[in-house]
Amino acid sequence: MARVTVDVVDGVADVRLNRPERMNAIDAAMFDDLLAVGERLGADRGVRAVVLSGEGRAFSAGLDTAAFADPASFDLDNLLGSGGSGPNRVQRAAFLWSELAAPTIAAVHGVAYGGALQLALGCDFRVVAPDAKLGLLEINWGIVPDMGATQFLPPLVGLEAAKDLVLTGRTVLGEEAVRLGLASRSSATPLEEALALARHLAARNPQAVRAAKALLNGAAYRSAADGFRAEEAASRSLWATPNMLEAVRANQEQRPATFTD
């Protein structure tokens, strides 16, 4: 059985962690599936928005604790792979959601611990249930978050709050996660809310959405001058294109737009 399933409808990819009998605990096979799904979605220009959620009682309980039964004998090198100058294998499983051209939304219910929360942090948005429990618990196991949380977290919540979450290993509920900036919004039905948001995004000019995401993702790594140039280049590339003209006509005629990919 696939550890990760994908269903694409009207440009929205509904991606599910699919190991409910283990609360979607992440094992080597799930990492394989996550990377394969990321490659598939990245190559599909018809995908305009992505929702990541978990089957069953939880988003995910995090890394399968079988890995901690005998740490000395665990094949960490095989799990991590070689990152070279970039992210390693498990980091790519989280980073790919940020790297996809289409916007990505994590819908979190139940728990999202450790590596699971890091998967969600890789997404552009997080919609959480008010009673969802989120935490970076790695410090409790004597290790550090190693799927990108140390990179994703400070821009979202600030350095002090990031240190609080990482160094204490404490768990926060969904409402606090929103207040901290760890999540975008709270909903009693996070999957339905995330899918509605995805459909809203998928109804926009996909070229403009992709360009805007790329500009925002790159803002932290560019000088202001480079950012202004990138913004101008993106604007010029979109101006008077068929999709822009369709957006204008649809607004004027008060109807849904029909875009090409």
Protein backbone atom coordinates (compact mmCIF):
# COMPACT_ATOMS: atom_id res chain seq x y z
CA MET A 1 0.00 0.00 0.00
CA ALA A 2 1.30 3.44 -0.92
CA ARG A 3 2.48 5.47 2.07
CA VAL A 4 1.40 8.67 0.27
CA THR A 5 -1.60 8.98 -2.05
CA VAL A 6 -2.42 11.71 -4.57
CA ASP A 7 -5.71 12.68 -6.19
CA VAL A 8 -5.79 15.66 -8.57
CA VAL A 9 -9.15 17.30 -9.30
CA ASP A 10 -9.55 20.60 -11.18
CA GLY A 11 -5.92 21.53 -10.62
CA VAL A 12 -5.94 20.80 -6.87
CA ALA A 13 -3.71 17.95 -5.70
CA ASP A 14 -5.07 16.24 -2.58
CA VAL A 15 -2.02 14.53 -1.04
CA ARG A 16 -2.54 12.20 1.95
CA LEU A 17 -0.06 10.58 4.31
CA ASN A 18 -1.46 7.07 4.27
CA ARG A 19 -0.33 5.00 7.21
CA PRO A 20 -3.28 5.50 9.57
CA GLU A 21 -2.67 2.35 11.60
CA ARG A 22 0.59 3.99 12.82
CA MET A 23 -0.83 7.54 12.96
CA ASN A 24 1.03 8.18 9.71
CA ALA A 25 4.42 7.73 11.38
CA ILE A 26 7.14 8.50 8.85
CA ASP A 27 9.41 5.61 7.88
CA ALA A 28 11.87 5.11 5.03
CA ALA A 29 9.11 4.01 2.65
CA MET A 30 7.12 7.16 3.36
CA PHE A 31 10.18 9.29 2.65
CA ASP A 32 10.50 7.47 -0.69
CA ASP A 33 6.86 8.17 -1.50
CA LEU A 34 7.07 11.82 -0.46
CA LEU A 35 10.01 12.40 -2.77
CA ALA A 36 8.30 10.56 -5.63
CA VAL A 37 5.11 12.57 -5.15
CA GLY A 38 7.09 15.81 -5.08
CA GLU A 39 8.77 14.92 -8.36
CA ARG A 40 5.42 14.03 -9.94
CA LEU A 41 3.70 17.23 -8.82
CA GLY A 42 6.65 19.37 -9.81
CA ALA A 43 6.47 18.03 -13.36
CA ASP A 44 2.69 18.50 -13.70
CA ARG A 45 1.91 22.04 -14.88
CA GLY A 46 -1.77 21.29 -14.48
CA VAL A 47 -1.38 21.27 -10.69
CA ARG A 48 -2.25 24.75 -9.44
CA ALA A 49 -2.45 24.13 -5.67
CA VAL A 50 -1.54 21.29 -3.31
CA VAL A 51 -3.07 20.18 0.00
CA LEU A 52 -1.10 17.87 2.30
CA SER A 53 -2.99 16.04 5.06
CA GLY A 54 -3.04 12.77 6.97
CA GLU A 55 -5.48 9.87 6.88
CA GLY A 56 -7.10 8.69 10.08
CA ARG A 57 -6.72 10.22 13.53
CA ALA A 58 -3.76 12.50 12.89
CA PHE A 59 -1.69 14.44 10.42
CA SER A 60 1.33 12.43 11.57
CA ALA A 61 2.99 11.33 14.80
CA GLY A 62 6.41 12.09 13.26
CA LEU A 63 9.36 9.81 12.64
CA ASP A 64 8.58 6.17 13.34
CA THR A 65 9.99 5.53 16.82
CA ALA A 66 11.33 2.17 15.66
CA ALA A 67 14.33 4.24 14.57
CA PHE A 68 15.10 4.93 18.25
CA ALA A 69 14.91 1.32 19.46
CA ASP A 70 18.64 0.83 18.84
CA PRO A 71 20.16 4.12 17.63
CA ALA A 72 23.69 2.68 17.40
CA SER A 73 22.61 0.11 14.83
CA PHE A 74 20.22 2.35 12.88
CA ASP A 75 21.41 3.02 9.33
CA LEU A 76 21.23 6.82 9.46
CA ASP A 77 23.41 7.28 6.37
CA ASN A 78 20.98 5.27 4.27
CA LEU A 79 18.02 7.27 5.56
CA LEU A 80 19.59 10.68 5.03
CA GLY A 81 21.34 10.00 1.75
CA SER A 82 23.79 12.60 0.50
CA GLY A 83 22.79 16.21 0.44
CA GLY A 84 26.03 17.47 -1.09
CA SER A 85 25.78 21.26 -1.03
CA GLY A 86 21.97 21.13 -0.77
CA PRO A 87 19.36 19.41 1.39
CA ASN A 88 19.75 15.72 2.15
CA ARG A 89 17.05 13.14 1.47
CA VAL A 90 14.86 13.78 4.52
CA GLN A 91 15.31 17.54 4.27
CA ARG A 92 14.17 17.40 0.64
CA ALA A 93 10.98 15.61 1.77
CA ALA A 94 10.05 18.76 3.73
CA PHE A 95 11.66 21.40 1.51
CA LEU A 96 9.96 20.16 -1.67
CA TRP A 97 6.61 21.66 -0.56
CA SER A 98 8.18 25.11 -0.50
CA GLU A 99 10.03 24.45 -3.75
CA LEU A 100 6.98 23.40 -5.77
CA ALA A 101 5.85 26.15 -8.14
CA ALA A 102 2.24 25.77 -7.01
CA PRO A 103 1.21 26.96 -3.53
CA THR A 104 1.05 24.24 -0.88
CA ILE A 105 -1.20 23.97 2.18
CA ALA A 106 -0.85 21.59 5.13
CA ALA A 107 -4.13 20.59 6.83
CA VAL A 108 -3.27 19.49 10.37
CA HIS A 109 -5.51 17.55 12.74
CA GLY A 110 -4.70 15.30 15.66
CA VAL A 111 -0.96 15.60 16.12
CA ALA A 112 1.99 16.86 14.08
CA TYR A 113 5.15 16.02 15.96
CA GLY A 114 8.80 16.27 14.99
CA GLY A 115 9.34 15.41 11.36
CA ALA A 116 5.62 15.71 10.68
CA LEU A 117 5.57 19.33 11.83
CA GLN A 118 8.64 19.93 9.68
CA LEU A 119 6.74 18.61 6.64
CA ALA A 120 3.97 21.10 7.45
CA LEU A 121 6.50 23.91 7.92
CA GLY A 122 7.72 23.28 4.39
CA CYS A 123 4.28 24.23 3.07
CA ASP A 124 3.27 27.78 2.23
CA PHE A 125 0.23 27.68 4.54
CA ARG A 126 -0.82 25.63 7.56
CA VAL A 127 -4.48 25.22 8.52
CA VAL A 128 -4.79 23.57 11.93
CA ALA A 129 -7.60 22.22 14.07
CA PRO A 130 -7.99 24.19 17.34
CA ASP A 131 -7.19 21.06 19.36
CA ALA A 132 -4.34 19.87 17.12
CA LYS A 133 -1.08 19.28 18.96
CA LEU A 134 2.11 20.52 17.30
CA GLY A 135 5.63 20.17 18.59
CA LEU A 136 9.27 19.75 17.68
CA LEU A 137 10.04 16.96 20.13
CA GLU A 138 13.51 16.05 18.90
CA ILE A 139 15.26 17.52 21.96
CA ASN A 140 13.40 14.95 24.09
CA TRP A 141 15.17 12.22 22.13
CA GLY A 142 18.56 13.87 22.46
CA ILE A 143 18.72 15.16 18.89
CA VAL A 144 17.82 18.30 16.92
CA PRO A 145 15.17 18.95 14.24
CA ASP A 146 16.90 17.92 11.02
CA MET A 147 14.29 18.28 8.28
CA GLY A 148 14.63 22.03 7.83
CA ALA A 149 12.83 23.38 10.92
CA THR A 150 15.83 25.45 12.00
CA GLN A 151 15.59 27.21 8.62
CA PHE A 152 11.79 27.43 8.27
CA LEU A 153 10.91 28.41 11.83
CA PRO A 154 12.72 31.71 12.64
CA PRO A 155 11.18 33.69 9.74
CA LEU A 156 7.72 32.45 10.76
CA VAL A 157 7.75 32.96 14.53
CA GLY A 158 10.91 34.97 15.27
CA LEU A 159 14.18 33.74 16.72
CA GLU A 160 13.17 33.74 20.40
CA ALA A 161 9.95 31.80 19.84
CA ALA A 162 11.83 29.38 17.56
CA LYS A 163 14.35 28.73 20.32
CA ASP A 164 11.52 28.22 22.80
CA LEU A 165 9.87 25.59 20.60
CA VAL A 166 13.07 23.78 19.62
CA LEU A 167 14.97 23.87 22.93
CA THR A 168 12.06 23.00 25.21
CA GLY A 169 10.37 20.49 22.92
CA ARG A 170 7.02 21.74 24.18
CA THR A 171 3.71 21.05 22.47
CA VAL A 172 1.32 23.82 21.43
CA LEU A 173 -2.34 23.59 20.51
CA GLY A 174 -3.73 24.90 17.24
CA GLU A 175 -4.93 28.25 18.57
CA GLU A 176 -1.52 29.05 20.09
CA ALA A 177 0.15 27.91 16.88
CA VAL A 178 -1.82 30.58 15.01
CA ARG A 179 -0.93 33.25 17.56
CA LEU A 180 2.75 32.36 17.28
CA GLY A 181 2.70 32.41 13.48
CA LEU A 182 3.39 28.67 13.37
CA ALA A 183 0.08 28.22 11.53
CA SER A 184 -1.83 30.44 9.12
CA ARG A 185 -5.33 29.86 10.43
CA SER A 186 -7.42 27.60 12.67
CA SER A 187 -10.47 25.62 11.61
CA ALA A 188 -12.62 22.91 13.14
CA THR A 189 -12.47 21.28 9.70
CA PRO A 190 -8.90 21.93 8.56
CA LEU A 191 -8.97 19.68 5.50
CA GLU A 192 -12.15 21.25 4.14
CA GLU A 193 -10.75 24.73 4.84
CA ALA A 194 -7.44 23.86 3.16
CA LEU A 195 -9.18 22.44 0.09
CA ALA A 196 -11.36 25.55 -0.16
CA LEU A 197 -8.25 27.73 -0.01
CA ALA A 198 -6.58 25.54 -2.64
CA ARG A 199 -9.57 25.89 -4.96
CA HIS A 200 -9.49 29.67 -4.44
CA LEU A 201 -5.80 29.78 -5.40
CA ALA A 202 -6.32 27.40 -8.31
CA ALA A 203 -8.91 29.80 -9.75
CA ARG A 204 -6.26 32.56 -10.15
CA ASN A 205 -3.87 33.07 -13.05
CA PRO A 206 -1.46 30.17 -12.43
CA GLN A 207 1.45 32.07 -13.97
CA ALA A 208 0.90 34.99 -11.59
CA VAL A 209 0.50 32.72 -8.57
CA ARG A 210 3.72 30.85 -9.36
CA ALA A 211 5.60 34.11 -9.98
CA ALA A 212 4.34 35.64 -6.73
CA LYS A 213 5.34 32.57 -4.72
CA ALA A 214 8.81 32.57 -6.26
CA LEU A 215 9.27 36.29 -5.54
CA LEU A 216 8.22 35.89 -1.91
CA ASN A 217 10.34 32.78 -1.38
CA GLY A 218 13.38 34.53 -2.78
CA ALA A 219 12.95 37.77 -0.84
CA ALA A 220 15.00 36.60 2.14
CA TYR A 221 17.96 35.71 -0.06
CA ARG A 222 18.12 38.77 -2.32
CA SER A 223 19.22 42.33 -1.81
CA ALA A 224 16.46 44.92 -2.11
CA ALA A 225 17.83 45.98 -5.49
CA ASP A 226 17.79 42.39 -6.79
CA GLY A 227 14.29 41.95 -5.39
CA PHE A 228 13.00 45.01 -7.20
CA ARG A 229 14.55 43.79 -10.45
CA ALA A 230 13.03 40.33 -10.02
CA GLU A 231 9.63 41.88 -9.31
CA GLU A 232 9.83 44.04 -12.44
CA ALA A 233 10.91 41.09 -14.57
CA ALA A 234 7.98 39.02 -13.30
CA SER A 235 5.54 41.85 -13.95
CA ARG A 236 6.83 42.34 -17.48
CA SER A 237 6.58 38.59 -18.17
CA LEU A 238 2.90 38.58 -17.17
CA TRP A 239 1.77 41.83 -18.79
CA ALA A 240 -0.78 41.44 -21.64
CA THR A 241 -0.40 37.66 -21.71
CA PRO A 242 -3.50 35.59 -22.52
CA ASN A 243 -3.98 34.65 -18.88
CA MET A 244 -3.70 38.26 -17.70
CA LEU A 245 -6.20 39.39 -20.33
CA GLU A 246 -8.54 36.58 -19.29
CA ALA A 247 -8.27 37.71 -15.64
CA VAL A 248 -9.16 41.27 -16.67
CA ARG A 249 -12.14 40.15 -18.78
CA ALA A 250 -13.39 37.79 -16.07
CA ASN A 251 -13.28 40.60 -13.50
CA GLN A 252 -15.07 43.00 -15.83
CA GLU A 253 -17.72 40.43 -16.73
CA GLN A 254 -18.13 39.15 -13.16
CA ARG A 255 -17.55 35.51 -14.11
CA PRO A 256 -15.06 32.75 -13.25
CA ALA A 257 -11.90 32.93 -15.32
CA THR A 258 -10.66 30.13 -17.56
CA PHE A 259 -6.88 29.97 -17.58
CA THR A 260 -4.39 27.87 -19.50
CA ASP A 261 -1.39 26.24 -17.85
